[in-house]
Amino acid sequence: YQPEVHSSAGGEFLLRLDKPVYDSSGNRFTIAATSFRFAAKSASYVALASFTIHISSPPERILITSDGERFILIDYQSGRGNEYEVVQVLDRKGNTIRRFTLSEIYTREDAASFWKHEKGEFSRWVDEAYLFTGKHLVLFRCADILPNYPVHDYALDLDTLKVTIPSEVMEPNQLPDPSSPTVTPPAKAGGAPSVTADH
């Protein structure tokens, strides 16, 4: 198993995730994680913090703010129902700031549209998630996932933890691949990993 390593835009901050371990007693996964920051003087990555993540399902997408203050773990699936957590926000030390269920992001109208489909027909609640460069703002692009029952796009403010429907079309200036690339994990804290694309 190769640890997953995700990067902020520009690669200044990294988050390395070890293999998820399922805890049947708590019905959750635990993931050992280590954060790194690139030190310009030594031209190498230095470990910042080690912590354990407790989550219902291994995240399919991880976003890191450009200042390294927030890690956003996103599960695109929602097969366990409306109260299944789909987003988890961590601080730079790995402490959980907030978990969001689908009902805490979707409006009642959108949730009703989403669940009108036959069970298993659509399991993704979001088409893609983007982090705006230089901002603590995540855009969830949801409008295209249900052609017959369209839902809104949503924006999550990482400072206020409020979820809103954007009043106008928002075009993120940080695309998915550069915002959270998978990189070769450093063999040591001082190693400089090479960056490769997600897909």
N, C-alpha and C. Protein backbone atom coordinates (compact mmCIF):
# COMPACT_ATOMS: atom_id res chain seq x y z
N TYR A 1 0.84 -1.20 0.00
CA TYR A 1 0.00 0.00 0.00
C TYR A 1 0.87 1.25 0.00
N GLN A 2 0.61 2.15 -0.96
CA GLN A 2 1.33 3.42 -1.03
C GLN A 2 0.49 4.51 -0.36
N PRO A 3 1.05 5.20 0.62
CA PRO A 3 0.28 6.28 1.27
C PRO A 3 -0.17 7.32 0.26
N GLU A 4 -1.35 7.87 0.47
CA GLU A 4 -1.84 8.95 -0.37
C GLU A 4 -1.27 10.26 0.15
N VAL A 5 -0.77 11.08 -0.76
CA VAL A 5 -0.26 12.40 -0.36
C VAL A 5 -0.95 13.45 -1.21
N HIS A 6 -1.56 14.43 -0.54
CA HIS A 6 -2.29 15.49 -1.23
C HIS A 6 -1.60 16.82 -0.96
N SER A 7 -1.75 17.75 -1.89
CA SER A 7 -1.03 19.00 -1.83
C SER A 7 -1.95 20.20 -1.95
N SER A 8 -1.55 21.29 -1.32
CA SER A 8 -2.24 22.56 -1.54
C SER A 8 -1.79 23.12 -2.88
N ALA A 9 -2.48 24.14 -3.38
CA ALA A 9 -2.07 24.77 -4.63
C ALA A 9 -0.65 25.30 -4.49
N GLY A 10 0.20 24.96 -5.43
CA GLY A 10 1.59 25.39 -5.35
C GLY A 10 2.47 24.42 -4.60
N GLY A 11 1.86 23.48 -3.88
CA GLY A 11 2.63 22.44 -3.22
C GLY A 11 3.32 22.82 -1.93
N GLU A 12 2.94 23.95 -1.31
CA GLU A 12 3.61 24.35 -0.08
C GLU A 12 3.26 23.42 1.08
N PHE A 13 2.01 22.96 1.13
CA PHE A 13 1.57 22.08 2.21
C PHE A 13 1.17 20.72 1.65
N LEU A 14 1.50 19.68 2.41
CA LEU A 14 1.14 18.32 2.04
C LEU A 14 0.40 17.65 3.19
N LEU A 15 -0.45 16.70 2.84
CA LEU A 15 -1.10 15.86 3.83
C LEU A 15 -0.95 14.41 3.37
N ARG A 16 -0.25 13.60 4.17
CA ARG A 16 -0.05 12.19 3.84
C ARG A 16 -1.00 11.34 4.66
N LEU A 17 -1.73 10.44 3.98
CA LEU A 17 -2.67 9.55 4.63
C LEU A 17 -2.19 8.11 4.51
N ASP A 18 -2.11 7.40 5.64
CA ASP A 18 -1.76 5.99 5.61
C ASP A 18 -3.01 5.17 5.30
N LYS A 19 -2.87 3.86 5.24
CA LYS A 19 -3.97 2.98 4.87
C LYS A 19 -5.11 3.08 5.88
N PRO A 20 -6.35 3.29 5.40
CA PRO A 20 -7.51 3.33 6.32
C PRO A 20 -7.70 1.99 7.02
N VAL A 21 -8.03 2.06 8.31
CA VAL A 21 -8.28 0.84 9.09
C VAL A 21 -9.71 0.91 9.61
N TYR A 22 -10.49 -0.14 9.34
CA TYR A 22 -11.90 -0.13 9.75
C TYR A 22 -12.04 -0.59 11.18
N ASP A 23 -12.79 0.19 11.96
CA ASP A 23 -13.08 -0.14 13.35
C ASP A 23 -14.54 -0.59 13.42
N SER A 24 -14.77 -1.90 13.46
CA SER A 24 -16.14 -2.42 13.43
C SER A 24 -16.94 -2.02 14.67
N SER A 25 -16.26 -1.85 15.79
CA SER A 25 -16.97 -1.49 17.02
C SER A 25 -17.55 -0.08 16.94
N GLY A 26 -16.80 0.82 16.28
CA GLY A 26 -17.29 2.19 16.14
C GLY A 26 -17.91 2.48 14.80
N ASN A 27 -17.89 1.47 13.90
CA ASN A 27 -18.45 1.62 12.56
C ASN A 27 -17.85 2.81 11.83
N ARG A 28 -16.54 3.00 12.01
CA ARG A 28 -15.83 4.11 11.37
C ARG A 28 -14.45 3.65 10.94
N PHE A 29 -13.83 4.46 10.07
CA PHE A 29 -12.45 4.22 9.66
C PHE A 29 -11.52 5.15 10.44
N THR A 30 -10.34 4.67 10.74
CA THR A 30 -9.30 5.53 11.32
C THR A 30 -8.16 5.59 10.31
N ILE A 31 -7.62 6.78 10.13
CA ILE A 31 -6.54 7.00 9.17
C ILE A 31 -5.44 7.81 9.84
N ALA A 32 -4.24 7.25 9.89
CA ALA A 32 -3.09 7.99 10.42
C ALA A 32 -2.64 9.00 9.37
N ALA A 33 -2.44 10.25 9.79
CA ALA A 33 -2.11 11.32 8.85
C ALA A 33 -0.93 12.14 9.37
N THR A 34 -0.16 12.69 8.44
CA THR A 34 0.95 13.59 8.77
C THR A 34 0.93 14.75 7.81
N SER A 35 1.05 15.97 8.34
CA SER A 35 1.10 17.16 7.48
C SER A 35 2.54 17.64 7.35
N PHE A 36 2.85 18.24 6.20
CA PHE A 36 4.19 18.74 5.91
C PHE A 36 4.10 20.14 5.34
N ARG A 37 5.21 20.88 5.48
CA ARG A 37 5.32 22.19 4.83
C ARG A 37 6.67 22.29 4.15
N PHE A 38 6.68 22.90 2.98
CA PHE A 38 7.93 23.05 2.25
C PHE A 38 8.74 24.19 2.85
N ALA A 39 9.98 23.90 3.22
CA ALA A 39 10.88 24.91 3.79
C ALA A 39 11.82 25.39 2.69
N ALA A 40 11.67 26.66 2.33
CA ALA A 40 12.45 27.20 1.22
C ALA A 40 13.95 27.18 1.50
N LYS A 41 14.34 27.44 2.75
CA LYS A 41 15.76 27.52 3.06
C LYS A 41 16.48 26.19 2.83
N SER A 42 15.83 25.12 3.21
CA SER A 42 16.44 23.80 3.05
C SER A 42 15.96 23.08 1.79
N ALA A 43 15.01 23.71 1.08
CA ALA A 43 14.45 23.12 -0.13
C ALA A 43 13.95 21.70 0.12
N SER A 44 13.26 21.51 1.25
CA SER A 44 12.75 20.19 1.60
C SER A 44 11.47 20.33 2.41
N TYR A 45 10.76 19.21 2.55
CA TYR A 45 9.53 19.20 3.33
C TYR A 45 9.81 18.84 4.78
N VAL A 46 9.16 19.59 5.68
CA VAL A 46 9.32 19.39 7.11
C VAL A 46 7.98 18.97 7.71
N ALA A 47 7.98 17.93 8.53
CA ALA A 47 6.75 17.46 9.16
C ALA A 47 6.23 18.50 10.15
N LEU A 48 4.93 18.75 10.11
CA LEU A 48 4.30 19.73 11.01
C LEU A 48 3.53 19.05 12.14
N ALA A 49 2.70 18.08 11.79
CA ALA A 49 1.86 17.44 12.81
C ALA A 49 1.47 16.04 12.36
N SER A 50 1.31 15.16 13.35
CA SER A 50 0.80 13.81 13.10
C SER A 50 -0.48 13.64 13.90
N PHE A 51 -1.50 13.05 13.30
CA PHE A 51 -2.78 12.91 13.97
C PHE A 51 -3.56 11.76 13.35
N THR A 52 -4.68 11.41 13.97
CA THR A 52 -5.53 10.33 13.49
C THR A 52 -6.88 10.90 13.08
N ILE A 53 -7.33 10.52 11.90
CA ILE A 53 -8.62 10.96 11.38
C ILE A 53 -9.65 9.86 11.61
N HIS A 54 -10.80 10.23 12.15
CA HIS A 54 -11.92 9.30 12.34
C HIS A 54 -13.02 9.71 11.38
N ILE A 55 -13.42 8.80 10.48
CA ILE A 55 -14.34 9.17 9.42
C ILE A 55 -15.20 7.97 9.03
N SER A 56 -16.41 8.24 8.55
CA SER A 56 -17.34 7.16 8.19
C SER A 56 -16.87 6.36 6.99
N SER A 57 -16.22 7.05 6.05
CA SER A 57 -15.74 6.39 4.84
C SER A 57 -14.49 7.10 4.36
N PRO A 58 -13.50 6.38 3.83
CA PRO A 58 -12.29 7.05 3.33
C PRO A 58 -12.65 8.14 2.32
N PRO A 59 -12.07 9.32 2.44
CA PRO A 59 -12.43 10.43 1.56
C PRO A 59 -12.00 10.18 0.12
N GLU A 60 -12.83 10.63 -0.82
CA GLU A 60 -12.49 10.52 -2.24
C GLU A 60 -11.78 11.77 -2.74
N ARG A 61 -11.87 12.84 -1.98
CA ARG A 61 -11.27 14.11 -2.39
C ARG A 61 -10.80 14.83 -1.15
N ILE A 62 -9.61 15.39 -1.21
CA ILE A 62 -9.08 16.19 -0.10
C ILE A 62 -8.59 17.51 -0.66
N LEU A 63 -9.06 18.59 -0.05
CA LEU A 63 -8.62 19.93 -0.41
C LEU A 63 -7.84 20.53 0.75
N ILE A 64 -6.81 21.30 0.42
CA ILE A 64 -5.98 21.96 1.44
C ILE A 64 -5.91 23.43 1.10
N THR A 65 -6.28 24.28 2.05
CA THR A 65 -6.21 25.73 1.79
C THR A 65 -4.76 26.15 1.58
N SER A 66 -4.57 27.23 0.85
CA SER A 66 -3.22 27.66 0.48
C SER A 66 -2.39 28.07 1.69
N ASP A 67 -3.04 28.38 2.83
CA ASP A 67 -2.30 28.73 4.04
C ASP A 67 -2.09 27.52 4.96
N GLY A 68 -2.58 26.36 4.54
CA GLY A 68 -2.40 25.15 5.33
C GLY A 68 -3.22 25.09 6.60
N GLU A 69 -4.20 25.98 6.76
CA GLU A 69 -4.99 26.04 7.99
C GLU A 69 -6.20 25.10 7.99
N ARG A 70 -6.63 24.64 6.82
CA ARG A 70 -7.81 23.80 6.74
C ARG A 70 -7.59 22.62 5.79
N PHE A 71 -8.03 21.44 6.26
CA PHE A 71 -8.10 20.26 5.42
C PHE A 71 -9.57 19.92 5.25
N ILE A 72 -10.02 19.73 4.00
CA ILE A 72 -11.42 19.42 3.74
C ILE A 72 -11.49 18.03 3.13
N LEU A 73 -12.12 17.10 3.85
CA LEU A 73 -12.26 15.72 3.40
C LEU A 73 -13.67 15.53 2.85
N ILE A 74 -13.76 15.03 1.62
CA ILE A 74 -15.05 14.94 0.93
C ILE A 74 -15.30 13.52 0.46
N ASP A 75 -16.48 13.02 0.80
CA ASP A 75 -16.94 11.72 0.31
C ASP A 75 -18.04 12.00 -0.72
N TYR A 76 -17.80 11.64 -1.97
CA TYR A 76 -18.78 11.94 -3.02
C TYR A 76 -20.00 11.04 -2.95
N GLN A 77 -19.91 9.94 -2.24
CA GLN A 77 -21.02 8.99 -2.17
C GLN A 77 -21.96 9.35 -1.02
N SER A 78 -23.21 8.96 -1.16
CA SER A 78 -24.18 9.23 -0.09
C SER A 78 -25.14 8.05 0.04
N GLY A 79 -24.59 6.86 -0.05
CA GLY A 79 -25.42 5.67 -0.08
C GLY A 79 -26.08 5.32 1.24
N ARG A 80 -25.68 5.95 2.33
CA ARG A 80 -26.24 5.59 3.63
C ARG A 80 -27.39 6.48 4.06
N GLY A 81 -27.80 7.37 3.19
CA GLY A 81 -28.96 8.19 3.53
C GLY A 81 -28.62 9.64 3.78
N ASN A 82 -29.63 10.40 4.08
CA ASN A 82 -29.54 11.85 4.20
C ASN A 82 -28.68 12.31 5.37
N GLU A 83 -28.51 11.46 6.39
CA GLU A 83 -27.76 11.87 7.57
C GLU A 83 -26.32 11.35 7.57
N TYR A 84 -25.89 10.80 6.46
CA TYR A 84 -24.53 10.29 6.33
C TYR A 84 -23.56 11.45 6.11
N GLU A 85 -22.50 11.56 6.90
CA GLU A 85 -21.59 12.68 6.76
C GLU A 85 -20.86 12.61 5.42
N VAL A 86 -20.83 13.72 4.72
CA VAL A 86 -20.21 13.77 3.40
C VAL A 86 -19.02 14.72 3.35
N VAL A 87 -18.91 15.62 4.32
CA VAL A 87 -17.79 16.58 4.37
C VAL A 87 -17.29 16.69 5.80
N GLN A 88 -15.97 16.70 5.95
CA GLN A 88 -15.38 16.92 7.27
C GLN A 88 -14.27 17.97 7.14
N VAL A 89 -14.30 18.96 8.02
CA VAL A 89 -13.32 20.05 8.00
C VAL A 89 -12.40 19.90 9.21
N LEU A 90 -11.10 19.86 8.95
CA LEU A 90 -10.10 19.75 10.02
C LEU A 90 -9.24 21.00 10.07
N ASP A 91 -8.70 21.31 11.26
CA ASP A 91 -7.74 22.40 11.35
C ASP A 91 -6.34 21.87 11.06
N ARG A 92 -5.33 22.73 11.14
CA ARG A 92 -3.98 22.34 10.74
C ARG A 92 -3.36 21.28 11.65
N LYS A 93 -3.93 21.10 12.85
CA LYS A 93 -3.43 20.08 13.77
C LYS A 93 -4.23 18.78 13.68
N GLY A 94 -5.21 18.76 12.78
CA GLY A 94 -5.99 17.55 12.59
C GLY A 94 -7.23 17.46 13.45
N ASN A 95 -7.54 18.52 14.20
CA ASN A 95 -8.76 18.52 15.01
C ASN A 95 -9.98 18.73 14.11
N THR A 96 -11.04 17.97 14.37
CA THR A 96 -12.26 18.12 13.59
C THR A 96 -12.98 19.40 13.99
N ILE A 97 -13.18 20.29 13.04
CA ILE A 97 -13.90 21.53 13.28
C ILE A 97 -15.39 21.33 13.09
N ARG A 98 -15.74 20.59 12.03
CA ARG A 98 -17.17 20.38 11.75
C ARG A 98 -17.33 19.24 10.76
N ARG A 99 -18.36 18.43 10.99
CA ARG A 99 -18.78 17.42 10.03
C ARG A 99 -20.12 17.86 9.45
N PHE A 100 -20.30 17.64 8.15
CA PHE A 100 -21.54 18.01 7.48
C PHE A 100 -22.21 16.78 6.88
N THR A 101 -23.49 16.62 7.16
CA THR A 101 -24.29 15.59 6.49
C THR A 101 -24.90 16.21 5.24
N LEU A 102 -25.50 15.37 4.41
CA LEU A 102 -26.12 15.88 3.20
C LEU A 102 -27.24 16.86 3.52
N SER A 103 -27.99 16.59 4.57
CA SER A 103 -29.11 17.47 4.93
C SER A 103 -28.63 18.81 5.48
N GLU A 104 -27.35 18.91 5.86
CA GLU A 104 -26.80 20.18 6.34
C GLU A 104 -26.18 20.99 5.21
N ILE A 105 -26.15 20.41 4.01
CA ILE A 105 -25.65 21.13 2.84
C ILE A 105 -26.79 21.40 1.87
N TYR A 106 -27.53 20.35 1.51
CA TYR A 106 -28.66 20.51 0.60
C TYR A 106 -29.84 21.21 1.28
N THR A 107 -30.61 21.96 0.49
CA THR A 107 -31.90 22.44 0.96
C THR A 107 -32.87 21.27 0.95
N ARG A 108 -34.02 21.43 1.63
CA ARG A 108 -35.02 20.37 1.64
C ARG A 108 -35.48 20.03 0.22
N GLU A 109 -35.61 21.07 -0.60
CA GLU A 109 -36.05 20.88 -1.98
C GLU A 109 -35.06 20.02 -2.75
N ASP A 110 -33.78 20.33 -2.62
CA ASP A 110 -32.76 19.58 -3.34
C ASP A 110 -32.64 18.15 -2.80
N ALA A 111 -32.75 18.01 -1.49
CA ALA A 111 -32.68 16.68 -0.89
C ALA A 111 -33.84 15.82 -1.39
N ALA A 112 -35.02 16.41 -1.48
CA ALA A 112 -36.18 15.67 -1.97
C ALA A 112 -35.99 15.26 -3.42
N SER A 113 -35.42 16.16 -4.24
CA SER A 113 -35.15 15.84 -5.64
C SER A 113 -34.14 14.71 -5.75
N PHE A 114 -33.12 14.79 -4.92
CA PHE A 114 -32.06 13.78 -4.96
C PHE A 114 -32.60 12.40 -4.63
N TRP A 115 -33.42 12.31 -3.60
CA TRP A 115 -33.90 11.01 -3.14
C TRP A 115 -35.13 10.52 -3.90
N LYS A 116 -35.60 11.28 -4.89
CA LYS A 116 -36.70 10.79 -5.74
C LYS A 116 -36.23 9.66 -6.65
N HIS A 117 -34.92 9.59 -6.87
CA HIS A 117 -34.39 8.56 -7.76
C HIS A 117 -34.40 7.21 -7.09
N GLU A 118 -34.44 6.19 -7.93
CA GLU A 118 -34.40 4.83 -7.41
C GLU A 118 -33.10 4.62 -6.63
N LYS A 119 -33.18 3.83 -5.57
CA LYS A 119 -32.02 3.57 -4.74
C LYS A 119 -30.90 2.99 -5.59
N GLY A 120 -29.74 3.59 -5.51
CA GLY A 120 -28.59 3.10 -6.25
C GLY A 120 -28.44 3.71 -7.63
N GLU A 121 -29.47 4.41 -8.12
CA GLU A 121 -29.38 5.01 -9.45
C GLU A 121 -28.34 6.13 -9.46
N PHE A 122 -28.40 6.96 -8.42
CA PHE A 122 -27.41 8.02 -8.26
C PHE A 122 -26.88 7.95 -6.83
N SER A 123 -25.59 7.78 -6.69
CA SER A 123 -25.03 7.73 -5.34
C SER A 123 -24.17 8.96 -5.05
N ARG A 124 -23.78 9.69 -6.11
CA ARG A 124 -22.96 10.89 -5.91
C ARG A 124 -23.85 12.09 -5.62
N TRP A 125 -23.54 12.80 -4.54
CA TRP A 125 -24.32 13.99 -4.21
C TRP A 125 -23.71 15.25 -4.81
N VAL A 126 -22.44 15.14 -5.28
CA VAL A 126 -21.74 16.30 -5.85
C VAL A 126 -20.96 15.84 -7.07
N ASP A 127 -20.93 16.68 -8.09
CA ASP A 127 -20.20 16.35 -9.30
C ASP A 127 -18.71 16.62 -9.12
N GLU A 128 -18.37 17.75 -8.50
CA GLU A 128 -16.97 18.10 -8.24
C GLU A 128 -16.92 19.17 -7.16
N ALA A 129 -15.79 19.23 -6.45
CA ALA A 129 -15.58 20.24 -5.41
C ALA A 129 -14.31 21.01 -5.73
N TYR A 130 -14.37 22.31 -5.54
CA TYR A 130 -13.25 23.20 -5.87
C TYR A 130 -12.92 24.08 -4.67
N LEU A 131 -11.65 24.39 -4.51
CA LEU A 131 -11.21 25.33 -3.48
C LEU A 131 -10.68 26.57 -4.18
N PHE A 132 -11.18 27.73 -3.77
CA PHE A 132 -10.74 28.97 -4.38
C PHE A 132 -9.37 29.37 -3.85
N THR A 133 -8.43 29.65 -4.74
CA THR A 133 -7.09 30.04 -4.35
C THR A 133 -7.10 31.30 -3.50
N GLY A 134 -6.43 31.23 -2.35
CA GLY A 134 -6.32 32.40 -1.48
C GLY A 134 -7.56 32.69 -0.66
N LYS A 135 -8.57 31.82 -0.74
CA LYS A 135 -9.80 32.04 0.02
C LYS A 135 -10.17 30.78 0.79
N HIS A 136 -10.84 30.97 1.91
CA HIS A 136 -11.38 29.85 2.67
C HIS A 136 -12.80 29.57 2.18
N LEU A 137 -12.90 29.19 0.92
CA LEU A 137 -14.21 28.99 0.30
C LEU A 137 -14.16 27.76 -0.61
N VAL A 138 -15.11 26.84 -0.38
CA VAL A 138 -15.22 25.64 -1.20
C VAL A 138 -16.51 25.71 -1.99
N LEU A 139 -16.42 25.44 -3.29
CA LEU A 139 -17.60 25.39 -4.14
C LEU A 139 -17.91 23.93 -4.46
N PHE A 140 -19.15 23.52 -4.18
CA PHE A 140 -19.61 22.18 -4.52
C PHE A 140 -20.47 22.30 -5.78
N ARG A 141 -19.95 21.74 -6.87
CA ARG A 141 -20.67 21.79 -8.14
C ARG A 141 -21.63 20.61 -8.20
N CYS A 142 -22.92 20.88 -8.02
CA CYS A 142 -23.92 19.81 -7.90
C CYS A 142 -24.96 19.84 -9.01
N ALA A 143 -25.07 20.92 -9.73
CA ALA A 143 -26.20 21.13 -10.62
C ALA A 143 -26.33 20.12 -11.75
N ASP A 144 -25.24 19.47 -12.15
CA ASP A 144 -25.29 18.60 -13.31
C ASP A 144 -25.46 17.12 -12.97
N ILE A 145 -25.60 16.79 -11.69
CA ILE A 145 -25.62 15.36 -11.35
C ILE A 145 -26.98 14.72 -11.57
N LEU A 146 -28.06 15.52 -11.57
CA LEU A 146 -29.41 14.98 -11.73
C LEU A 146 -30.14 15.74 -12.84
N PRO A 147 -30.00 15.32 -14.09
CA PRO A 147 -30.60 16.07 -15.20
C PRO A 147 -32.11 16.25 -15.06
N ASN A 148 -32.81 15.24 -14.54
CA ASN A 148 -34.26 15.32 -14.43
C ASN A 148 -34.72 16.02 -13.15
N TYR A 149 -33.83 16.06 -12.16
CA TYR A 149 -34.14 16.70 -10.89
C TYR A 149 -32.96 17.58 -10.49
N PRO A 150 -32.80 18.71 -11.16
CA PRO A 150 -31.61 19.53 -10.92
C PRO A 150 -31.53 20.05 -9.49
N VAL A 151 -30.32 20.11 -8.95
CA VAL A 151 -30.08 20.68 -7.63
C VAL A 151 -29.13 21.86 -7.77
N HIS A 152 -29.05 22.67 -6.74
CA HIS A 152 -28.22 23.87 -6.77
C HIS A 152 -26.74 23.54 -6.56
N ASP A 153 -25.89 24.50 -6.92
CA ASP A 153 -24.50 24.48 -6.46
C ASP A 153 -24.50 25.07 -5.06
N TYR A 154 -23.45 24.73 -4.29
CA TYR A 154 -23.36 25.23 -2.92
C TYR A 154 -21.95 25.74 -2.63
N ALA A 155 -21.86 26.72 -1.72
CA ALA A 155 -20.57 27.26 -1.31
C ALA A 155 -20.43 27.14 0.20
N LEU A 156 -19.28 26.65 0.65
CA LEU A 156 -19.01 26.50 2.09
C LEU A 156 -17.92 27.48 2.49
N ASP A 157 -18.26 28.39 3.41
CA ASP A 157 -17.29 29.32 3.97
C ASP A 157 -16.58 28.62 5.12
N LEU A 158 -15.28 28.41 5.00
CA LEU A 158 -14.53 27.66 6.00
C LEU A 158 -14.26 28.44 7.27
N ASP A 159 -14.51 29.74 7.25
CA ASP A 159 -14.33 30.55 8.46
C ASP A 159 -15.61 30.60 9.29
N THR A 160 -16.73 30.81 8.63
CA THR A 160 -18.01 30.89 9.34
C THR A 160 -18.70 29.52 9.41
N LEU A 161 -18.25 28.59 8.55
CA LEU A 161 -18.84 27.24 8.44
C LEU A 161 -20.29 27.31 7.98
N LYS A 162 -20.64 28.36 7.25
CA LYS A 162 -21.98 28.50 6.71
C LYS A 162 -22.01 28.01 5.26
N VAL A 163 -23.09 27.32 4.92
CA VAL A 163 -23.29 26.84 3.56
C VAL A 163 -24.36 27.70 2.90
N THR A 164 -24.07 28.21 1.71
CA THR A 164 -25.01 29.06 1.00
C THR A 164 -25.13 28.62 -0.46
N ILE A 165 -26.19 29.07 -1.10
CA ILE A 165 -26.35 28.88 -2.54
C ILE A 165 -25.83 30.14 -3.21
N PRO A 166 -24.80 30.05 -4.05
CA PRO A 166 -24.26 31.26 -4.68
C PRO A 166 -25.34 32.01 -5.46
N SER A 167 -25.33 33.33 -5.35
CA SER A 167 -26.34 34.15 -6.02
C SER A 167 -26.08 34.24 -7.51
N GLU A 168 -24.85 33.92 -7.93
CA GLU A 168 -24.49 33.95 -9.35
C GLU A 168 -23.54 32.80 -9.63
N VAL A 169 -23.32 32.52 -10.89
CA VAL A 169 -22.43 31.43 -11.26
C VAL A 169 -21.01 31.74 -10.80
N MET A 170 -20.44 30.84 -10.04
CA MET A 170 -19.09 31.05 -9.52
C MET A 170 -18.12 30.18 -10.30
N GLU A 171 -17.07 30.78 -10.80
CA GLU A 171 -16.05 30.04 -11.52
C GLU A 171 -14.78 30.02 -10.68
N PRO A 172 -14.46 28.88 -10.10
CA PRO A 172 -13.26 28.80 -9.26
C PRO A 172 -12.01 29.03 -10.09
N ASN A 173 -11.03 29.71 -9.49
CA ASN A 173 -9.77 29.95 -10.20
C ASN A 173 -8.73 28.90 -9.83
N GLN A 174 -9.17 27.84 -9.18
CA GLN A 174 -8.28 26.74 -8.86
C GLN A 174 -8.97 25.45 -9.26
N LEU A 175 -8.51 24.80 -10.31
CA LEU A 175 -9.15 23.62 -10.85
C LEU A 175 -8.84 22.39 -10.00
N PRO A 176 -9.61 21.30 -10.19
CA PRO A 176 -9.47 20.14 -9.31
C PRO A 176 -8.07 19.54 -9.23
N ASP A 177 -7.44 19.26 -10.35
CA ASP A 177 -6.16 18.55 -10.30
C ASP A 177 -5.06 19.35 -9.58
N PRO A 178 -4.85 20.64 -9.92
CA PRO A 178 -3.80 21.39 -9.21
C PRO A 178 -4.10 21.59 -7.73
N SER A 179 -5.37 21.59 -7.36
CA SER A 179 -5.70 21.91 -5.97
C SER A 179 -5.40 20.77 -5.01
N SER A 180 -5.43 19.54 -5.50
CA SER A 180 -5.17 18.43 -4.60
C SER A 180 -4.51 17.28 -5.35
N PRO A 181 -3.28 17.50 -5.85
CA PRO A 181 -2.64 16.43 -6.60
C PRO A 181 -2.15 15.32 -5.68
N THR A 182 -2.01 14.15 -6.25
CA THR A 182 -1.39 13.06 -5.53
C THR A 182 0.10 13.13 -5.82
N VAL A 183 0.91 13.08 -4.79
CA VAL A 183 2.34 13.19 -4.99
C VAL A 183 3.04 12.01 -4.36
N THR A 184 4.23 11.76 -4.81
CA THR A 184 5.02 10.69 -4.23
C THR A 184 5.41 11.07 -2.82
N PRO A 185 5.04 10.30 -1.80
CA PRO A 185 5.31 10.68 -0.41
C PRO A 185 6.79 10.75 -0.13
N PRO A 186 7.21 11.73 0.68
CA PRO A 186 8.62 11.84 1.02
C PRO A 186 9.07 10.65 1.86
N ALA A 187 10.22 10.10 1.52
CA ALA A 187 10.74 8.97 2.29
C ALA A 187 11.09 9.41 3.69
N LYS A 188 11.56 10.66 3.81
CA LYS A 188 11.87 11.25 5.11
C LYS A 188 11.24 12.63 5.15
N ALA A 189 11.19 13.22 6.32
CA ALA A 189 10.59 14.54 6.44
C ALA A 189 11.32 15.55 5.56
N GLY A 190 12.60 15.33 5.33
CA GLY A 190 13.37 16.28 4.55
C GLY A 190 13.35 16.01 3.08
N GLY A 191 12.66 14.95 2.64
CA GLY A 191 12.65 14.61 1.23
C GLY A 191 11.72 15.52 0.46
N ALA A 192 12.05 15.82 -0.77
CA ALA A 192 11.20 16.66 -1.60
C ALA A 192 10.45 15.78 -2.58
N PRO A 193 9.12 15.60 -2.37
CA PRO A 193 8.36 14.72 -3.24
C PRO A 193 8.16 15.30 -4.63
N SER A 194 7.94 14.44 -5.61
CA SER A 194 7.63 14.89 -6.95
C SER A 194 6.12 14.87 -7.11
N VAL A 195 5.60 15.79 -7.90
CA VAL A 195 4.16 15.95 -8.04
C VAL A 195 3.66 15.27 -9.30
N THR A 196 2.54 14.55 -9.18
CA THR A 196 1.89 13.93 -10.33
C THR A 196 0.41 14.25 -10.27
N ALA A 197 -0.27 14.19 -11.39
CA ALA A 197 -1.68 14.58 -11.46
C ALA A 197 -2.56 13.52 -10.81
N ASP A 198 -3.78 13.96 -10.40
CA ASP A 198 -4.75 13.05 -9.77
C ASP A 198 -5.17 11.95 -10.71
N HIS A 199 -5.52 12.32 -11.95
CA HIS A 199 -6.12 11.35 -12.87
C HIS A 199 -5.05 10.69 -13.71
